[in-house]
C-alpha atoms as a PDB file:
ATOM      1  CA  MET A   1     -22.553  26.544  19.085  1.00  0.00           C
ATOM      2  CA  ALA A   2     -22.122  22.823  19.694  1.00  0.00           C
ATOM      3  CA  LEU A   3     -19.116  20.849  18.498  1.00  0.00           C
ATOM      4  CA  ARG A   4     -19.025  17.062  18.358  1.00  0.00           C
ATOM      5  CA  TYR A   5     -15.853  15.227  17.312  1.00  0.00           C
ATOM      6  CA  TYR A   6     -16.011  11.604  16.153  1.00  0.00           C
ATOM      7  CA  HIS A   7     -12.583  10.019  16.459  1.00  0.00           C
ATOM      8  CA  ALA A   8     -10.488   6.976  17.259  1.00  0.00           C
ATOM      9  CA  GLU A   9      -7.308   6.812  19.359  1.00  0.00           C
ATOM     10  CA  PRO A  10      -5.164   9.981  19.637  1.00  0.00           C
ATOM     11  CA  VAL A  11      -2.807   9.111  16.793  1.00  0.00           C
ATOM     12  CA  ALA A  12      -2.507  10.029  13.099  1.00  0.00           C
ATOM     13  CA  ASN A  13      -5.738  11.418  11.625  1.00  0.00           C
ATOM     14  CA  SER A  14      -7.712  11.488  14.856  1.00  0.00           C
ATOM     15  CA  LEU A  15      -4.858  13.306  16.608  1.00  0.00           C
ATOM     16  CA  LYS A  16      -4.412  15.762  13.741  1.00  0.00           C
ATOM     17  CA  SER A  17      -7.759  17.479  14.314  1.00  0.00           C
ATOM     18  CA  MET A  18      -7.855  16.822  18.060  1.00  0.00           C
ATOM     19  CA  ILE A  19      -4.807  19.049  18.573  1.00  0.00           C
ATOM     20  CA  PRO A  20      -6.386  22.205  17.064  1.00  0.00           C
ATOM     21  CA  LEU A  21      -9.508  21.673  19.176  1.00  0.00           C
ATOM     22  CA  LYS A  22      -7.337  21.520  22.294  1.00  0.00           C
ATOM     23  CA  GLU A  23      -4.946  24.298  21.230  1.00  0.00           C
ATOM     24  CA  LYS A  24      -7.898  26.616  20.682  1.00  0.00           C
ATOM     25  CA  GLY A  25      -9.476  25.653  24.001  1.00  0.00           C
ATOM     26  CA  LEU A  26     -12.751  24.683  22.336  1.00  0.00           C
ATOM     27  CA  GLU A  27     -15.430  22.767  24.205  1.00  0.00           C
ATOM     28  CA  PHE A  28     -16.577  19.709  22.279  1.00  0.00           C
ATOM     29  CA  GLU A  29     -18.307  16.383  22.769  1.00  0.00           C
ATOM     30  CA  SER A  30     -15.914  13.485  22.214  1.00  0.00           C
ATOM     31  CA  VAL A  31     -17.472  10.496  20.445  1.00  0.00           C
ATOM     32  CA  TYR A  32     -15.218   7.450  20.281  1.00  0.00           C
ATOM     33  CA  VAL A  33     -15.521   5.287  17.161  1.00  0.00           C
ATOM     34  CA  ASP A  34     -14.089   1.805  17.741  1.00  0.00           C
ATOM     35  CA  LEU A  35     -12.084   0.946  14.627  1.00  0.00           C
ATOM     36  CA  HIS A  36     -11.290  -2.481  16.089  1.00  0.00           C
ATOM     37  CA  LYS A  37     -15.016  -3.260  15.957  1.00  0.00           C
ATOM     38  CA  PHE A  38     -15.269  -1.666  12.482  1.00  0.00           C
ATOM     39  CA  GLU A  39     -17.755   0.904  13.770  1.00  0.00           C
ATOM     40  CA  GLN A  40     -16.600   3.352  11.107  1.00  0.00           C
ATOM     41  CA  HIS A  41     -18.395   1.111   8.589  1.00  0.00           C
ATOM     42  CA  SER A  42     -21.547   0.597  10.657  1.00  0.00           C
ATOM     43  CA  ASP A  43     -24.908   1.961   9.560  1.00  0.00           C
ATOM     44  CA  TRP A  44     -25.073   4.612  12.294  1.00  0.00           C
ATOM     45  CA  PHE A  45     -21.684   6.071  11.387  1.00  0.00           C
ATOM     46  CA  VAL A  46     -22.032   5.885   7.601  1.00  0.00           C
ATOM     47  CA  LYS A  47     -25.158   8.033   8.004  1.00  0.00           C
ATOM     48  CA  ILE A  48     -22.830  10.695   9.444  1.00  0.00           C
ATOM     49  CA  ASN A  49     -19.960  10.193   7.002  1.00  0.00           C
ATOM     50  CA  PRO A  50     -20.842   8.135   3.910  1.00  0.00           C
ATOM     51  CA  GLU A  51     -17.125   7.501   3.316  1.00  0.00           C
ATOM     52  CA  GLY A  52     -16.950   5.551   6.572  1.00  0.00           C
ATOM     53  CA  GLN A  53     -13.812   7.239   7.893  1.00  0.00           C
ATOM     54  CA  VAL A  54     -12.822   9.116  11.028  1.00  0.00           C
ATOM     55  CA  PRO A  55     -12.441  11.780  12.174  1.00  0.00           C
ATOM     56  CA  VAL A  56     -15.580  13.806  11.609  1.00  0.00           C
ATOM     57  CA  LEU A  57     -16.480  17.206  13.008  1.00  0.00           C
ATOM     58  CA  ASP A  58     -20.164  17.988  13.592  1.00  0.00           C
ATOM     59  CA  HIS A  59     -20.677  21.717  14.131  1.00  0.00           C
ATOM     60  CA  ASP A  60     -24.337  22.429  14.857  1.00  0.00           C
ATOM     61  CA  GLY A  61     -25.331  19.734  12.382  1.00  0.00           C
ATOM     62  CA  GLN A  62     -22.831  20.770   9.697  1.00  0.00           C
ATOM     63  CA  ILE A  63     -20.639  17.741   8.949  1.00  0.00           C
ATOM     64  CA  ILE A  64     -16.995  18.419   8.086  1.00  0.00           C
ATOM     65  CA  THR A  65     -14.689  15.564   7.020  1.00  0.00           C
ATOM     66  CA  HIS A  66     -11.009  15.123   6.112  1.00  0.00           C
ATOM     67  CA  THR A  67      -8.509  16.439   8.607  1.00  0.00           C
ATOM     68  CA  THR A  68      -6.909  19.205   6.550  1.00  0.00           C
ATOM     69  CA  VAL A  69     -10.388  20.508   5.704  1.00  0.00           C
ATOM     70  CA  ILE A  70     -11.526  20.216   9.340  1.00  0.00           C
ATOM     71  CA  ASN A  71      -8.490  22.154  10.539  1.00  0.00           C
ATOM     72  CA  GLU A  72      -8.954  24.929   7.978  1.00  0.00           C
ATOM     73  CA  TYR A  73     -12.638  25.099   8.949  1.00  0.00           C
ATOM     74  CA  LEU A  74     -11.715  25.530  12.615  1.00  0.00           C
ATOM     75  CA  GLU A  75      -9.430  28.400  11.597  1.00  0.00           C
ATOM     76  CA  ASP A  76     -12.228  30.099   9.687  1.00  0.00           C
ATOM     77  CA  VAL A  77     -14.813  29.736  12.451  1.00  0.00           C
ATOM     78  CA  PHE A  78     -12.591  30.118  15.526  1.00  0.00           C
ATOM     79  CA  PRO A  79      -9.770  32.502  14.508  1.00  0.00           C
ATOM     80  CA  ASP A  80      -9.046  33.987  17.943  1.00  0.00           C
ATOM     81  CA  ILE A  81      -6.151  31.591  18.634  1.00  0.00           C
ATOM     82  CA  PRO A  82      -4.624  31.354  15.149  1.00  0.00           C
ATOM     83  CA  LEU A  83      -2.908  28.241  13.865  1.00  0.00           C
ATOM     84  CA  ARG A  84      -2.701  29.610  10.318  1.00  0.00           C
ATOM     85  CA  PRO A  85      -0.639  32.694   9.424  1.00  0.00           C
ATOM     86  CA  ARG A  86      -2.826  35.706   8.767  1.00  0.00           C
ATOM     87  CA  ASP A  87      -0.629  37.063   5.995  1.00  0.00           C
ATOM     88  CA  PRO A  88      -1.199  35.493   2.557  1.00  0.00           C
ATOM     89  CA  VAL A  89       2.423  34.471   2.029  1.00  0.00           C
ATOM     90  CA  GLY A  90       2.638  32.762   5.420  1.00  0.00           C
ATOM     91  CA  ALA A  91      -0.684  30.995   4.811  1.00  0.00           C
ATOM     92  CA  ALA A  92       0.579  29.827   1.403  1.00  0.00           C
ATOM     93  CA  ARG A  93       3.739  28.388   2.997  1.00  0.00           C
ATOM     94  CA  MET A  94       1.654  26.527   5.539  1.00  0.00           C
ATOM     95  CA  ARG A  95      -0.608  25.141   2.824  1.00  0.00           C
ATOM     96  CA  TYR A  96       2.417  24.077   0.764  1.00  0.00           C
ATOM     97  CA  TRP A  97       3.686  22.012   3.686  1.00  0.00           C
ATOM     98  CA  ASN A  98       0.246  20.556   4.382  1.00  0.00           C
ATOM     99  CA  LYS A  99      -0.027  19.532   0.729  1.00  0.00           C
ATOM    100  CA  PHE A 100       3.403  17.916   0.881  1.00  0.00           C
ATOM    101  CA  ILE A 101       2.540  16.009   4.067  1.00  0.00           C
ATOM    102  CA  ASP A 102      -0.889  14.942   2.840  1.00  0.00           C
ATOM    103  CA  GLU A 103       0.352  13.761  -0.560  1.00  0.00           C
ATOM    104  CA  HIS A 104       3.934  12.612   0.046  1.00  0.00           C
ATOM    105  CA  VAL A 105       4.204  11.597   3.708  1.00  0.00           C
ATOM    106  CA  MET A 106       0.938  10.375   5.210  1.00  0.00           C
ATOM    107  CA  ASN A 107       0.270   7.431   2.904  1.00  0.00           C
ATOM    108  CA  HIS A 108       3.828   6.109   3.154  1.00  0.00           C
ATOM    109  CA  VAL A 109       3.812   6.117   6.948  1.00  0.00           C
ATOM    110  CA  SER A 110       0.315   4.642   6.812  1.00  0.00           C
ATOM    111  CA  MET A 111       1.496   1.767   4.599  1.00  0.00           C
ATOM    112  CA  HIS A 112       4.037   0.676   7.186  1.00  0.00           C
ATOM    113  CA  GLY A 113       1.441   1.002   9.941  1.00  0.00           C
ATOM    114  CA  TRP A 114      -1.050  -1.088   8.007  1.00  0.00           C
ATOM    115  CA  HIS A 115       1.618  -3.668   7.186  1.00  0.00           C
ATOM    116  CA  ARG A 116       2.686  -4.053  10.810  1.00  0.00           C
ATOM    117  CA  MET A 117      -0.612  -3.673  12.660  1.00  0.00           C
ATOM    118  CA  VAL A 118      -3.694  -3.785  10.463  1.00  0.00           C
ATOM    119  CA  GLY A 119      -2.316  -6.756   8.554  1.00  0.00           C
ATOM    120  CA  VAL A 120      -2.252  -8.787  11.764  1.00  0.00           C
ATOM    121  CA  ILE A 121      -5.889  -7.896  12.443  1.00  0.00           C
ATOM    122  CA  ALA A 122      -6.932  -8.701   8.872  1.00  0.00           C
ATOM    123  CA  ARG A 123      -5.203 -12.089   8.846  1.00  0.00           C
ATOM    124  CA  ASN A 124      -6.868 -13.057  12.119  1.00  0.00           C
ATOM    125  CA  ILE A 125     -10.355 -12.619  10.666  1.00  0.00           C
ATOM    126  CA  GLU A 126     -11.780 -15.856   9.340  1.00  0.00           C
ATOM    127  CA  SER A 127     -12.588 -16.242   5.658  1.00  0.00           C
ATOM    128  CA  GLY A 128     -16.229 -15.504   5.028  1.00  0.00           C
ATOM    129  CA  GLU A 129     -16.346 -13.032   7.884  1.00  0.00           C
ATOM    130  CA  PHE A 130     -13.567 -11.005   6.251  1.00  0.00           C
ATOM    131  CA  GLU A 131     -15.472 -10.851   2.962  1.00  0.00           C
ATOM    132  CA  LYS A 132     -18.587  -9.648   4.808  1.00  0.00           C
ATOM    133  CA  LEU A 133     -16.562  -6.891   6.428  1.00  0.00           C
ATOM    134  CA  LEU A 134     -15.205  -5.838   3.028  1.00  0.00           C
ATOM    135  CA  GLU A 135     -18.742  -5.464   1.688  1.00  0.00           C
ATOM    136  CA  ASN A 136     -19.431  -2.811   4.341  1.00  0.00           C
ATOM    137  CA  ILE A 137     -16.460  -0.610   3.417  1.00  0.00           C
ATOM    138  CA  PRO A 138     -17.832   2.320   1.370  1.00  0.00           C
ATOM    139  CA  LEU A 139     -14.620   3.394  -0.388  1.00  0.00           C
ATOM    140  CA  PRO A 140     -13.209   1.037  -3.058  1.00  0.00           C
ATOM    141  CA  ASP A 141      -9.620   2.069  -2.289  1.00  0.00           C
ATOM    142  CA  GLN A 142     -10.112   1.168   1.378  1.00  0.00           C
ATOM    143  CA  ARG A 143     -11.416  -2.273   0.385  1.00  0.00           C
ATOM    144  CA  LYS A 144      -8.297  -2.786  -1.722  1.00  0.00           C
ATOM    145  CA  LYS A 145      -6.108  -1.628   1.151  1.00  0.00           C
ATOM    146  CA  TRP A 146      -7.676  -4.172   3.523  1.00  0.00           C
ATOM    147  CA  LEU A 147      -7.161  -6.926   0.949  1.00  0.00           C
ATOM    148  CA  THR A 148      -3.522  -5.915   0.503  1.00  0.00           C
ATOM    149  CA  ALA A 149      -2.982  -5.763   4.265  1.00  0.00           C
ATOM    150  CA  ARG A 150      -4.384  -9.277   4.603  1.00  0.00           C
ATOM    151  CA  SER A 151      -1.987 -10.682   2.003  1.00  0.00           C
ATOM    152  CA  GLY A 152       0.910  -8.353   2.866  1.00  0.00           C
ATOM    153  CA  PHE A 153       2.396  -5.311   1.141  1.00  0.00           C
ATOM    154  CA  SER A 154       5.247  -6.060  -1.227  1.00  0.00           C
ATOM    155  CA  GLU A 155       8.844  -5.535  -0.170  1.00  0.00           C
ATOM    156  CA  ALA A 156       9.290  -3.155  -3.106  1.00  0.00           C
ATOM    157  CA  ASP A 157       6.351  -0.998  -2.010  1.00  0.00           C
ATOM    158  CA  LEU A 158       7.552  -0.949   1.597  1.00  0.00           C
ATOM    159  CA  ALA A 159      11.078  -0.011   0.519  1.00  0.00           C
ATOM    160  CA  ASN A 160       9.730   2.798  -1.646  1.00  0.00           C
ATOM    161  CA  ALA A 161       7.618   4.050   1.267  1.00  0.00           C
ATOM    162  CA  THR A 162      10.695   4.046   3.508  1.00  0.00           C
ATOM    163  CA  ASP A 163      12.638   6.069   0.933  1.00  0.00           C
ATOM    164  CA  LYS A 164       9.821   8.635   0.824  1.00  0.00           C
ATOM    165  CA  ILE A 165       9.793   8.899   4.620  1.00  0.00           C
ATOM    166  CA  VAL A 166      13.560   9.404   4.726  1.00  0.00           C
ATOM    167  CA  TYR A 167      13.234  12.155   2.114  1.00  0.00           C
ATOM    168  CA  ALA A 168      10.513  13.860   4.175  1.00  0.00           C
ATOM    169  CA  VAL A 169      12.563  13.646   7.374  1.00  0.00           C
ATOM    170  CA  GLU A 170      15.556  15.205   5.654  1.00  0.00           C
ATOM    171  CA  LYS A 171      13.390  17.908   4.046  1.00  0.00           C
ATOM    172  CA  VAL A 172      11.872  18.911   7.385  1.00  0.00           C
ATOM    173  CA  GLU A 173      15.255  18.720   9.122  1.00  0.00           C
ATOM    174  CA  LYS A 174      16.670  21.172   6.592  1.00  0.00           C
ATOM    175  CA  GLN A 175      13.692  23.512   6.992  1.00  0.00           C
ATOM    176  CA  LEU A 176      14.056  23.511  10.779  1.00  0.00           C
ATOM    177  CA  GLY A 177      17.592  24.770  10.261  1.00  0.00           C
ATOM    178  CA  GLU A 178      16.081  27.882   8.673  1.00  0.00           C
ATOM    179  CA  THR A 179      12.904  28.482  10.688  1.00  0.00           C
ATOM    180  CA  ARG A 180      11.753  27.647  14.215  1.00  0.00           C
ATOM    181  CA  TRP A 181       8.647  25.819  12.994  1.00  0.00           C
ATOM    182  CA  ILE A 182       7.995  23.942   9.772  1.00  0.00           C
ATOM    183  CA  ALA A 183       6.171  26.694   7.864  1.00  0.00           C
ATOM    184  CA  GLY A 184       8.039  29.627   9.389  1.00  0.00           C
ATOM    185  CA  ASP A 185       8.657  31.179  12.763  1.00  0.00           C
ATOM    186  CA  ASP A 186       5.115  30.550  14.025  1.00  0.00           C
ATOM    187  CA  PHE A 187       3.518  27.291  15.148  1.00  0.00           C
ATOM    188  CA  THR A 188       0.923  26.294  12.538  1.00  0.00           C
ATOM    189  CA  LEU A 189      -1.287  23.506  11.249  1.00  0.00           C
ATOM    190  CA  ALA A 190       1.698  22.252   9.247  1.00  0.00           C
ATOM    191  CA  ASP A 191       3.502  21.352  12.473  1.00  0.00           C
ATOM    192  CA  ILE A 192       0.388  19.579  13.733  1.00  0.00           C
ATOM    193  CA  ASN A 193       0.072  17.660  10.469  1.00  0.00           C
ATOM    194  CA  PHE A 194       3.645  16.381  10.363  1.00  0.00           C
ATOM    195  CA  TYR A 195       3.714  15.625  14.081  1.00  0.00           C
ATOM    196  CA  SER A 196       0.525  13.579  13.906  1.00  0.00           C
ATOM    197  CA  HIS A 197       1.611  11.450  10.958  1.00  0.00           C
ATOM    198  CA  CYS A 198       5.367  11.252  11.221  1.00  0.00           C
ATOM    199  CA  GLY A 199       6.952  13.175  14.078  1.00  0.00           C
ATOM    200  CA  MET A 200       5.678  10.878  16.802  1.00  0.00           C
ATOM    201  CA  MET A 201       6.054   7.517  15.101  1.00  0.00           C
ATOM    202  CA  VAL A 202       9.079   7.565  12.842  1.00  0.00           C
ATOM    203  CA  GLU A 203      11.637   6.717  15.546  1.00  0.00           C
ATOM    204  CA  ARG A 204       9.526   3.866  16.908  1.00  0.00           C
ATOM    205  CA  MET A 205       8.728   2.457  13.479  1.00  0.00           C
ATOM    206  CA  PHE A 206      12.204   2.850  11.996  1.00  0.00           C
ATOM    207  CA  PRO A 207      14.838   2.506  14.743  1.00  0.00           C
ATOM    208  CA  ASP A 208      17.446   1.581  12.124  1.00  0.00           C
ATOM    209  CA  LEU A 209      17.171   5.074  10.613  1.00  0.00           C
ATOM    210  CA  ASP A 210      18.811   6.508  13.755  1.00  0.00           C
ATOM    211  CA  ILE A 211      16.680   9.653  13.646  1.00  0.00           C
ATOM    212  CA  ALA A 212      18.433  11.223  16.652  1.00  0.00           C
ATOM    213  CA  GLN A 213      21.682  11.351  14.670  1.00  0.00           C
ATOM    214  CA  ARG A 214      20.147  11.915  11.238  1.00  0.00           C
ATOM    215  CA  ALA A 215      17.733  14.695  12.263  1.00  0.00           C
ATOM    216  CA  PRO A 216      18.580  16.309  15.632  1.00  0.00           C
ATOM    217  CA  ARG A 217      16.559  19.440  14.831  1.00  0.00           C
ATOM    218  CA  LEU A 218      13.530  17.272  14.142  1.00  0.00           C
ATOM    219  CA  VAL A 219      13.927  15.574  17.515  1.00  0.00           C
ATOM    220  CA  GLU A 220      14.188  18.938  19.286  1.00  0.00           C
ATOM    221  CA  TRP A 221      11.097  20.153  17.383  1.00  0.00           C
ATOM    222  CA  ARG A 222       9.188  16.996  18.327  1.00  0.00           C
ATOM    223  CA  ASP A 223       9.986  17.557  21.997  1.00  0.00           C
ATOM    224  CA  ARG A 224       8.777  21.168  21.758  1.00  0.00           C
ATOM    225  CA  MET A 225       5.597  19.920  20.130  1.00  0.00           C
ATOM    226  CA  SER A 226       4.982  17.312  22.813  1.00  0.00           C
ATOM    227  CA  ALA A 227       5.472  19.915  25.550  1.00  0.00           C
ATOM    228  CA  ARG A 228       2.700  22.191  24.249  1.00  0.00           C
ATOM    229  CA  ASP A 229      -0.388  22.169  26.465  1.00  0.00           C
ATOM    230  CA  GLY A 230      -2.761  21.577  23.570  1.00  0.00           C
ATOM    231  CA  VAL A 231      -0.722  18.709  22.174  1.00  0.00           C
ATOM    232  CA  ALA A 232      -0.325  17.114  25.605  1.00  0.00           C
ATOM    233  CA  ALA A 233      -4.087  17.416  26.205  1.00  0.00           C
ATOM    234  CA  ALA A 234      -4.840  15.736  22.873  1.00  0.00           C
ATOM    235  CA  LEU A 235      -2.398  12.921  23.578  1.00  0.00           C
ATOM    236  CA  ALA A 236      -4.013  12.432  27.001  1.00  0.00           C
ATOM    237  CA  MET A 237      -7.323  11.404  25.414  1.00  0.00           C
ATOM    238  CA  PRO A 238      -8.033   7.747  26.307  1.00  0.00           C
ATOM    239  CA  ASP A 239      -6.294   5.135  24.196  1.00  0.00           C
ATOM    240  CA  HIS A 240      -8.947   2.454  23.787  1.00  0.00           C
ATOM    241  CA  THR A 241      -6.442   0.039  22.276  1.00  0.00           C
ATOM    242  CA  ASN A 242      -5.276  -0.438  25.864  1.00  0.00           C
ATOM    243  CA  PRO A 243      -7.432  -3.358  27.113  1.00  0.00           C
ATOM    244  CA  ALA A 244      -7.648  -1.774  30.571  1.00  0.00           C
ATOM    245  CA  LEU A 245      -9.493   1.193  29.047  1.00  0.00           C
ATOM    246  CA  ARG A 246     -11.757  -0.664  26.643  1.00  0.00           C
ATOM    247  CA  THR A 247     -15.066  -0.492  28.513  1.00  0.00           C
ATOM    248  CA  PHE A 248     -16.914   0.743  25.444  1.00  0.00           C
ATOM    249  CA  THR A 249     -20.314  -0.928  24.979  1.00  0.00           C
ATOM    250  CA  GLY A 250     -22.309   1.433  22.760  1.00  0.00           C
ATOM    251  CA  HIS A 251     -21.775   3.381  19.577  1.00  0.00           C
ATOM    252  CA  ALA A 252     -21.099   6.769  21.162  1.00  0.00           C
ATOM    253  CA  ARG A 253     -18.720   7.845  23.853  1.00  0.00           C
END
C-alpha cells in the first residue's frame, strides 16, 4: 500500500499529520507544496484537493483531507501503534480534546500567525497581481482571510484571540495536573493536535504571557513531546522557508 503526503513546512497543520506518520513508522512519499508560491491553489494541486489546502494524504489513490480526519484514518488503517485509546471512554476523551483544539484554539493561534507573517506577504504583492491570486483561491473564507490579512486584523479581534489562547493554555495546564497527557495517561492524537497548533509556538508568539511561570506543566509536557522520536523526526523534515533549503523547482518533491 502506497502513501503519499502533500504538505508544507513542519508546523501547524502539516506537522499535525506528519507526526502520526512518523510515530507509526510508516513509509510514505513526501510531496512538498510551496505555499509561498501559492502552489496549493495551482491547477495540479486543486485536482488533488479541490479546497486548495494542505495537507493531503493519498493512500493508494484514496484522497483524505483535513488533519483530524487524516489522523483518525491512519488509526483505522494502521492500528498497530495506537495513538487513539482503544476503550470507548478514552477515545471519547481524546475526541473531546481534539474538538476543543480544532474549534477553540487553532483559529485563534492562526489569526496571530496570519497577522504577523501572512499579512506581510499579502501587503508585498502588488495590486492587480493580488486580485488575480484571490481568484484562484477555491474557498470563499480563505479569500476573505487573505483580504483581511492584507489590510490587517482588528485590535479587538486580536485581543479576543489572545484571550482564547490564554484560556486554552490554562485549561491544558489544569488537565496536565490530573493526567500525564492531555486526554489521559496515554499519548494520543490530542497531544499531537495541541502541540502542532499551540504547544510549540505560544511562547515565541506571546513572550509577554510568561508561559514558563503561568504553565510549568505545559512546558514540561512540551519538552516531553519534543523528545519523542516520532515528533523529532517530523520536525526534522526540511523547512523550505529557510532560503538555504529552497531549491524547489517543480511541483512535487
